[in-house]
Amino acid sequence: MKSLWGTLVNVLAILAGTLVGTIIGQRLPQRLLTTVTQATGLGVLLVGLSMAGQSQNIVLVIVSLAAGGICGELLDIEGRLASLGKRLELYFSRNGRGEITRAFVGSSLLFCVGAMAIMGSLEAGLRGNHGTLYAKSILDGILAVSMSAVQGWGVALSALAVFIYQGGLTVLAGWLQHYLTPAVIAEITASGGLLIIAIALGILKVKDIRTGNLLPALLFAALLALWWQ
């Protein structure tokens, strides 16, 4: 249960954000949400930097990112995820499922897909470190406020998807930690940290990086670290 604490905080943040959004979301000035989002982006940047600094072999991380980027571009992961979201929204619109279901689908994709969800869950399961998920919780809570102000309380249903997805990854990581050496975990963490830095740059509107296409770098980091040993 302790390993799921970060995910539980994330779930509560989404529920709280939805509550605020449905009650007073439209009354909050946009500049307030923007400023808080930027502050959170700086926090996410700090999390990424702290994780990236754990690498014991920088060359391995660079190669992992390059190989992962090539693989991700060939598979067009980011494009496929975007296409999936559009197809789901069109499906529910055509079949009259209503705004609630569309809000659930859209917010679930937003909160579950990304490096922070994956790395935060792995960090929680492998190291018992919930810092990434705490930062993600703040960001998701802010997004839940803005989304629910427009789409309604259906955003709250995405909390269930977050619990199942991130909780499952955390439990899986806990099972695998006996097979992964500290050196391998360090390189996975460092690679994931750089992806989180990329997310932070997007939040701060510095540079929009196709982070989804870099996700295979985590697998390459694990395989190369094992090979290096």
C-alpha atoms as a PDB file:
ATOM      1  CA  MET A   1       0.000   0.000   0.000  1.00  0.00           C
ATOM      2  CA  LYS A   2       2.888   2.356   0.812  1.00  0.00           C
ATOM      3  CA  SER A   3       4.219   2.064  -2.740  1.00  0.00           C
ATOM      4  CA  LEU A   4       0.864   3.308  -4.079  1.00  0.00           C
ATOM      5  CA  TRP A   5       0.872   6.476  -1.995  1.00  0.00           C
ATOM      6  CA  GLY A   6       2.022   8.676  -4.897  1.00  0.00           C
ATOM      7  CA  THR A   7      -0.752   7.328  -7.119  1.00  0.00           C
ATOM      8  CA  LEU A   8      -3.349   7.870  -4.391  1.00  0.00           C
ATOM      9  CA  VAL A   9      -2.218  11.487  -4.000  1.00  0.00           C
ATOM     10  CA  ASN A  10      -2.518  11.866  -7.791  1.00  0.00           C
ATOM     11  CA  VAL A  11      -6.068  10.492  -7.701  1.00  0.00           C
ATOM     12  CA  LEU A  12      -7.046  12.861  -4.879  1.00  0.00           C
ATOM     13  CA  ALA A  13      -5.519  15.828  -6.746  1.00  0.00           C
ATOM     14  CA  ILE A  14      -7.632  15.070  -9.830  1.00  0.00           C
ATOM     15  CA  LEU A  15     -10.796  14.730  -7.737  1.00  0.00           C
ATOM     16  CA  ALA A  16     -10.040  17.963  -5.858  1.00  0.00           C
ATOM     17  CA  GLY A  17      -9.241  19.797  -9.100  1.00  0.00           C
ATOM     18  CA  THR A  18     -12.496  18.608 -10.641  1.00  0.00           C
ATOM     19  CA  LEU A  19     -14.447  19.743  -7.599  1.00  0.00           C
ATOM     20  CA  VAL A  20     -12.890  23.203  -7.753  1.00  0.00           C
ATOM     21  CA  GLY A  21     -13.354  23.394 -11.520  1.00  0.00           C
ATOM     22  CA  THR A  22     -17.035  22.479 -11.489  1.00  0.00           C
ATOM     23  CA  ILE A  23     -17.834  24.901  -8.649  1.00  0.00           C
ATOM     24  CA  ILE A  24     -15.680  27.972  -9.237  1.00  0.00           C
ATOM     25  CA  GLY A  25     -13.481  27.090 -12.218  1.00  0.00           C
ATOM     26  CA  GLN A  26     -15.081  29.634 -14.545  1.00  0.00           C
ATOM     27  CA  ARG A  27     -14.658  32.366 -11.956  1.00  0.00           C
ATOM     28  CA  LEU A  28     -10.895  31.878 -11.615  1.00  0.00           C
ATOM     29  CA  PRO A  29      -8.860  34.313 -13.744  1.00  0.00           C
ATOM     30  CA  GLN A  30      -6.898  32.627 -16.513  1.00  0.00           C
ATOM     31  CA  ARG A  31      -3.740  34.472 -15.478  1.00  0.00           C
ATOM     32  CA  LEU A  32      -3.925  32.747 -12.082  1.00  0.00           C
ATOM     33  CA  LEU A  33      -4.083  29.287 -13.652  1.00  0.00           C
ATOM     34  CA  THR A  34      -1.279  30.251 -16.028  1.00  0.00           C
ATOM     35  CA  THR A  35       1.004  31.443 -13.232  1.00  0.00           C
ATOM     36  CA  VAL A  36       0.379  28.348 -11.093  1.00  0.00           C
ATOM     37  CA  THR A  37       0.981  26.114 -14.138  1.00  0.00           C
ATOM     38  CA  GLN A  38       4.297  27.858 -14.807  1.00  0.00           C
ATOM     39  CA  ALA A  39       5.314  27.440 -11.165  1.00  0.00           C
ATOM     40  CA  THR A  40       4.482  23.749 -11.408  1.00  0.00           C
ATOM     41  CA  GLY A  41       6.509  23.542 -14.626  1.00  0.00           C
ATOM     42  CA  LEU A  42       9.551  24.831 -12.759  1.00  0.00           C
ATOM     43  CA  GLY A  43       8.982  22.170 -10.113  1.00  0.00           C
ATOM     44  CA  VAL A  44       8.726  19.476 -12.798  1.00  0.00           C
ATOM     45  CA  LEU A  45      11.998  20.786 -14.272  1.00  0.00           C
ATOM     46  CA  LEU A  46      13.682  20.399 -10.881  1.00  0.00           C
ATOM     47  CA  VAL A  47      12.412  16.824 -10.572  1.00  0.00           C
ATOM     48  CA  GLY A  48      13.766  15.976 -14.017  1.00  0.00           C
ATOM     49  CA  LEU A  49      17.155  17.524 -13.293  1.00  0.00           C
ATOM     50  CA  SER A  50      17.527  15.613 -10.024  1.00  0.00           C
ATOM     51  CA  MET A  51      16.699  12.345 -11.780  1.00  0.00           C
ATOM     52  CA  ALA A  52      18.938  12.995 -14.795  1.00  0.00           C
ATOM     53  CA  GLY A  53      21.931  13.571 -12.517  1.00  0.00           C
ATOM     54  CA  GLN A  54      21.825   9.972 -11.258  1.00  0.00           C
ATOM     55  CA  SER A  55      23.422   8.559 -14.400  1.00  0.00           C
ATOM     56  CA  GLN A  56      26.691   6.679 -13.984  1.00  0.00           C
ATOM     57  CA  ASN A  57      27.291   6.504 -17.720  1.00  0.00           C
ATOM     58  CA  ILE A  58      26.248   9.612 -19.645  1.00  0.00           C
ATOM     59  CA  VAL A  59      27.187   8.104 -23.008  1.00  0.00           C
ATOM     60  CA  LEU A  60      24.798   5.220 -22.385  1.00  0.00           C
ATOM     61  CA  VAL A  61      21.959   7.672 -21.676  1.00  0.00           C
ATOM     62  CA  ILE A  62      22.683   9.657 -24.847  1.00  0.00           C
ATOM     63  CA  VAL A  63      22.729   6.496 -26.960  1.00  0.00           C
ATOM     64  CA  SER A  64      19.496   5.311 -25.315  1.00  0.00           C
ATOM     65  CA  LEU A  65      17.744   8.587 -26.118  1.00  0.00           C
ATOM     66  CA  ALA A  66      18.970   8.558 -29.720  1.00  0.00           C
ATOM     67  CA  ALA A  67      17.976   4.919 -30.258  1.00  0.00           C
ATOM     68  CA  GLY A  68      14.671   5.445 -28.491  1.00  0.00           C
ATOM     69  CA  GLY A  69      13.938   8.529 -30.583  1.00  0.00           C
ATOM     70  CA  ILE A  70      14.612   6.652 -33.815  1.00  0.00           C
ATOM     71  CA  CYS A  71      12.390   3.777 -32.710  1.00  0.00           C
ATOM     72  CA  GLY A  72       9.660   6.138 -31.520  1.00  0.00           C
ATOM     73  CA  GLU A  73       9.663   8.094 -34.762  1.00  0.00           C
ATOM     74  CA  LEU A  74       9.494   4.919 -36.837  1.00  0.00           C
ATOM     75  CA  LEU A  75       6.551   3.727 -34.753  1.00  0.00           C
ATOM     76  CA  ASP A  76       5.105   7.275 -34.628  1.00  0.00           C
ATOM     77  CA  ILE A  77       4.054   6.777 -31.005  1.00  0.00           C
ATOM     78  CA  GLU A  78       3.018  10.396 -30.501  1.00  0.00           C
ATOM     79  CA  GLY A  79       0.952  10.440 -33.683  1.00  0.00           C
ATOM     80  CA  ARG A  80      -0.744   7.157 -32.822  1.00  0.00           C
ATOM     81  CA  LEU A  81      -1.679   8.404 -29.354  1.00  0.00           C
ATOM     82  CA  ALA A  82      -3.118  11.607 -30.802  1.00  0.00           C
ATOM     83  CA  SER A  83      -5.023   9.603 -33.412  1.00  0.00           C
ATOM     84  CA  LEU A  84      -6.389   7.291 -30.710  1.00  0.00           C
ATOM     85  CA  GLY A  85      -7.692  10.255 -28.737  1.00  0.00           C
ATOM     86  CA  LYS A  86      -9.398  11.746 -31.787  1.00  0.00           C
ATOM     87  CA  ARG A  87     -10.984   8.423 -32.764  1.00  0.00           C
ATOM     88  CA  LEU A  88     -12.343   7.899 -29.255  1.00  0.00           C
ATOM     89  CA  GLU A  89     -13.794  11.405 -29.132  1.00  0.00           C
ATOM     90  CA  LEU A  90     -15.421  10.978 -32.550  1.00  0.00           C
ATOM     91  CA  TYR A  91     -16.785   7.572 -31.544  1.00  0.00           C
ATOM     92  CA  PHE A  92     -18.449   8.866 -28.410  1.00  0.00           C
ATOM     93  CA  SER A  93     -19.759  11.939 -30.231  1.00  0.00           C
ATOM     94  CA  ARG A  94     -21.365   9.856 -33.012  1.00  0.00           C
ATOM     95  CA  ASN A  95     -22.865   7.386 -30.579  1.00  0.00           C
ATOM     96  CA  GLY A  96     -24.370  10.032 -28.344  1.00  0.00           C
ATOM     97  CA  ARG A  97     -22.400   9.089 -25.253  1.00  0.00           C
ATOM     98  CA  GLY A  98     -22.498  12.674 -24.043  1.00  0.00           C
ATOM     99  CA  GLU A  99     -20.098  15.212 -22.621  1.00  0.00           C
ATOM    100  CA  ILE A 100     -19.401  13.156 -19.500  1.00  0.00           C
ATOM    101  CA  THR A 101     -17.911  10.232 -21.400  1.00  0.00           C
ATOM    102  CA  ARG A 102     -15.914  12.497 -23.707  1.00  0.00           C
ATOM    103  CA  ALA A 103     -14.530  14.306 -20.659  1.00  0.00           C
ATOM    104  CA  PHE A 104     -13.550  10.963 -19.137  1.00  0.00           C
ATOM    105  CA  VAL A 105     -11.788   9.754 -22.291  1.00  0.00           C
ATOM    106  CA  GLY A 106      -9.951  13.002 -22.965  1.00  0.00           C
ATOM    107  CA  SER A 107      -8.759  13.529 -19.396  1.00  0.00           C
ATOM    108  CA  SER A 108      -7.746   9.863 -18.986  1.00  0.00           C
ATOM    109  CA  LEU A 109      -5.495  10.065 -22.034  1.00  0.00           C
ATOM    110  CA  LEU A 110      -4.021  13.343 -20.802  1.00  0.00           C
ATOM    111  CA  PHE A 111      -3.301  12.101 -17.279  1.00  0.00           C
ATOM    112  CA  CYS A 112      -2.114   8.569 -18.136  1.00  0.00           C
ATOM    113  CA  VAL A 113       0.014   9.021 -21.253  1.00  0.00           C
ATOM    114  CA  GLY A 114       3.457  10.480 -20.758  1.00  0.00           C
ATOM    115  CA  ALA A 115       6.871  10.097 -19.196  1.00  0.00           C
ATOM    116  CA  MET A 116       5.817  11.426 -15.789  1.00  0.00           C
ATOM    117  CA  ALA A 117       3.157   8.741 -15.341  1.00  0.00           C
ATOM    118  CA  ILE A 118       5.573   5.990 -16.370  1.00  0.00           C
ATOM    119  CA  MET A 119       8.695   7.216 -14.575  1.00  0.00           C
ATOM    120  CA  GLY A 120       6.773   8.296 -11.497  1.00  0.00           C
ATOM    121  CA  SER A 121       5.257   4.834 -11.166  1.00  0.00           C
ATOM    122  CA  LEU A 122       8.605   3.123 -11.763  1.00  0.00           C
ATOM    123  CA  GLU A 123      10.317   5.381  -9.216  1.00  0.00           C
ATOM    124  CA  ALA A 124       7.626   4.595  -6.656  1.00  0.00           C
ATOM    125  CA  GLY A 125       7.869   0.853  -7.257  1.00  0.00           C
ATOM    126  CA  LEU A 126      11.655   0.558  -7.565  1.00  0.00           C
ATOM    127  CA  ARG A 127      12.884   3.158  -5.066  1.00  0.00           C
ATOM    128  CA  GLY A 128       9.859   4.083  -2.986  1.00  0.00           C
ATOM    129  CA  ASN A 129      10.352   7.653  -4.250  1.00  0.00           C
ATOM    130  CA  HIS A 130       7.072   9.466  -4.925  1.00  0.00           C
ATOM    131  CA  GLY A 131       8.524  12.864  -5.848  1.00  0.00           C
ATOM    132  CA  THR A 132       7.693  12.617  -9.548  1.00  0.00           C
ATOM    133  CA  LEU A 133       4.112  11.545  -8.859  1.00  0.00           C
ATOM    134  CA  TYR A 134       3.699  14.377  -6.339  1.00  0.00           C
ATOM    135  CA  ALA A 135       4.785  16.890  -8.983  1.00  0.00           C
ATOM    136  CA  LYS A 136       2.475  15.224 -11.509  1.00  0.00           C
ATOM    137  CA  SER A 137      -0.359  15.411  -8.976  1.00  0.00           C
ATOM    138  CA  ILE A 138      -0.080  19.195  -8.746  1.00  0.00           C
ATOM    139  CA  LEU A 139      -0.003  19.526 -12.524  1.00  0.00           C
ATOM    140  CA  ASP A 140      -2.944  17.150 -13.004  1.00  0.00           C
ATOM    141  CA  GLY A 141      -4.931  18.965 -10.342  1.00  0.00           C
ATOM    142  CA  ILE A 142      -4.478  22.273 -12.184  1.00  0.00           C
ATOM    143  CA  LEU A 143      -5.418  20.668 -15.498  1.00  0.00           C
ATOM    144  CA  ALA A 144      -8.481  19.090 -13.862  1.00  0.00           C
ATOM    145  CA  VAL A 145      -9.642  22.540 -12.739  1.00  0.00           C
ATOM    146  CA  SER A 146      -9.442  24.008 -16.240  1.00  0.00           C
ATOM    147  CA  MET A 147     -10.916  20.923 -17.966  1.00  0.00           C
ATOM    148  CA  SER A 148     -13.807  20.428 -15.564  1.00  0.00           C
ATOM    149  CA  ALA A 149     -14.705  24.121 -15.761  1.00  0.00           C
ATOM    150  CA  VAL A 150     -15.526  23.479 -19.426  1.00  0.00           C
ATOM    151  CA  GLN A 151     -16.434  19.766 -19.621  1.00  0.00           C
ATOM    152  CA  GLY A 152     -17.975  19.127 -16.221  1.00  0.00           C
ATOM    153  CA  TRP A 153     -17.567  16.471 -13.554  1.00  0.00           C
ATOM    154  CA  GLY A 154     -16.848  13.675 -16.048  1.00  0.00           C
ATOM    155  CA  VAL A 155     -13.166  14.599 -15.639  1.00  0.00           C
ATOM    156  CA  ALA A 156     -13.296  13.059 -12.150  1.00  0.00           C
ATOM    157  CA  LEU A 157     -13.879   9.599 -13.662  1.00  0.00           C
ATOM    158  CA  SER A 158     -10.343   9.692 -15.080  1.00  0.00           C
ATOM    159  CA  ALA A 159      -9.069   9.276 -11.500  1.00  0.00           C
ATOM    160  CA  LEU A 160     -10.055   5.601 -11.749  1.00  0.00           C
ATOM    161  CA  ALA A 161      -8.035   5.168 -14.954  1.00  0.00           C
ATOM    162  CA  VAL A 162      -5.032   6.849 -13.304  1.00  0.00           C
ATOM    163  CA  PHE A 163      -5.270   4.562 -10.278  1.00  0.00           C
ATOM    164  CA  ILE A 164      -5.422   1.390 -12.381  1.00  0.00           C
ATOM    165  CA  TYR A 165      -2.701   2.474 -14.838  1.00  0.00           C
ATOM    166  CA  GLN A 166      -0.165   3.993 -12.469  1.00  0.00           C
ATOM    167  CA  GLY A 167      -0.931   1.564  -9.671  1.00  0.00           C
ATOM    168  CA  GLY A 168      -0.393  -1.357 -12.045  1.00  0.00           C
ATOM    169  CA  LEU A 169       2.945   0.031 -13.217  1.00  0.00           C
ATOM    170  CA  THR A 170       4.049   0.588  -9.621  1.00  0.00           C
ATOM    171  CA  VAL A 171       3.202  -2.968  -8.581  1.00  0.00           C
ATOM    172  CA  LEU A 172       4.899  -4.352 -11.708  1.00  0.00           C
ATOM    173  CA  ALA A 173       8.035  -2.321 -10.966  1.00  0.00           C
ATOM    174  CA  GLY A 174       8.041  -3.647  -7.409  1.00  0.00           C
ATOM    175  CA  TRP A 175       8.026  -7.197  -8.748  1.00  0.00           C
ATOM    176  CA  LEU A 176      10.895  -6.467 -11.132  1.00  0.00           C
ATOM    177  CA  GLN A 177      13.176  -4.705  -8.660  1.00  0.00           C
ATOM    178  CA  HIS A 178      14.732  -8.003  -7.599  1.00  0.00           C
ATOM    179  CA  TYR A 179      15.912  -8.526 -11.185  1.00  0.00           C
ATOM    180  CA  LEU A 180      17.197  -5.003 -11.836  1.00  0.00           C
ATOM    181  CA  THR A 181      20.537  -3.903 -10.431  1.00  0.00           C
ATOM    182  CA  PRO A 182      21.024  -0.417  -8.951  1.00  0.00           C
ATOM    183  CA  ALA A 183      23.150   0.520 -11.985  1.00  0.00           C
ATOM    184  CA  VAL A 184      20.350  -0.384 -14.406  1.00  0.00           C
ATOM    185  CA  ILE A 185      17.778   1.501 -12.336  1.00  0.00           C
ATOM    186  CA  ALA A 186      20.076   4.546 -12.293  1.00  0.00           C
ATOM    187  CA  GLU A 187      20.279   4.690 -16.097  1.00  0.00           C
ATOM    188  CA  ILE A 188      16.510   4.195 -16.491  1.00  0.00           C
ATOM    189  CA  THR A 189      15.967   6.983 -13.969  1.00  0.00           C
ATOM    190  CA  ALA A 190      18.412   9.315 -15.710  1.00  0.00           C
ATOM    191  CA  SER A 191      16.829   8.724 -19.115  1.00  0.00           C
ATOM    192  CA  GLY A 192      13.359   9.249 -17.671  1.00  0.00           C
ATOM    193  CA  GLY A 193      14.570  12.413 -15.975  1.00  0.00           C
ATOM    194  CA  LEU A 194      15.552  13.885 -19.322  1.00  0.00           C
ATOM    195  CA  LEU A 195      12.096  13.082 -20.702  1.00  0.00           C
ATOM    196  CA  ILE A 196      10.561  14.865 -17.722  1.00  0.00           C
ATOM    197  CA  ILE A 197      12.788  17.871 -18.434  1.00  0.00           C
ATOM    198  CA  ALA A 198      11.363  17.828 -21.964  1.00  0.00           C
ATOM    199  CA  ILE A 199       7.848  17.878 -20.510  1.00  0.00           C
ATOM    200  CA  ALA A 200       8.786  20.809 -18.275  1.00  0.00           C
ATOM    201  CA  LEU A 201      10.067  22.762 -21.282  1.00  0.00           C
ATOM    202  CA  GLY A 202       6.696  22.216 -22.937  1.00  0.00           C
ATOM    203  CA  ILE A 203       4.781  23.345 -19.836  1.00  0.00           C
ATOM    204  CA  LEU A 204       6.915  26.500 -19.691  1.00  0.00           C
ATOM    205  CA  LYS A 205       6.390  27.009 -23.449  1.00  0.00           C
ATOM    206  CA  VAL A 206      10.137  27.040 -24.060  1.00  0.00           C
ATOM    207  CA  LYS A 207      10.145  24.191 -26.571  1.00  0.00           C
ATOM    208  CA  ASP A 208       7.545  21.648 -27.642  1.00  0.00           C
ATOM    209  CA  ILE A 209       9.352  18.287 -27.788  1.00  0.00           C
ATOM    210  CA  ARG A 210       7.743  15.092 -29.097  1.00  0.00           C
ATOM    211  CA  THR A 211       8.260  13.324 -25.788  1.00  0.00           C
ATOM    212  CA  GLY A 212       5.998  10.414 -26.682  1.00  0.00           C
ATOM    213  CA  ASN A 213       8.390   9.332 -29.415  1.00  0.00           C
ATOM    214  CA  LEU A 214      11.237   9.260 -26.883  1.00  0.00           C
ATOM    215  CA  LEU A 215       9.538   6.782 -24.530  1.00  0.00           C
ATOM    216  CA  PRO A 216      11.370   3.734 -26.020  1.00  0.00           C
ATOM    217  CA  ALA A 217      14.553   5.277 -24.600  1.00  0.00           C
ATOM    218  CA  LEU A 218      13.583   3.827 -21.211  1.00  0.00           C
ATOM    219  CA  LEU A 219      13.697   0.296 -22.627  1.00  0.00           C
ATOM    220  CA  PHE A 220      16.974   0.948 -24.432  1.00  0.00           C
ATOM    221  CA  ALA A 221      18.479   2.362 -21.227  1.00  0.00           C
ATOM    222  CA  ALA A 222      17.628  -0.842 -19.369  1.00  0.00           C
ATOM    223  CA  LEU A 223      18.937  -3.133 -22.125  1.00  0.00           C
ATOM    224  CA  LEU A 224      22.159  -1.174 -22.681  1.00  0.00           C
ATOM    225  CA  ALA A 225      22.849  -0.940 -18.966  1.00  0.00           C
ATOM    226  CA  LEU A 226      22.412  -4.715 -18.639  1.00  0.00           C
ATOM    227  CA  TRP A 227      24.692  -5.244 -21.629  1.00  0.00           C
ATOM    228  CA  TRP A 228      27.299  -2.857 -20.226  1.00  0.00           C
ATOM    229  CA  GLN A 229      27.451  -4.804 -17.001  1.00  0.00           C
END
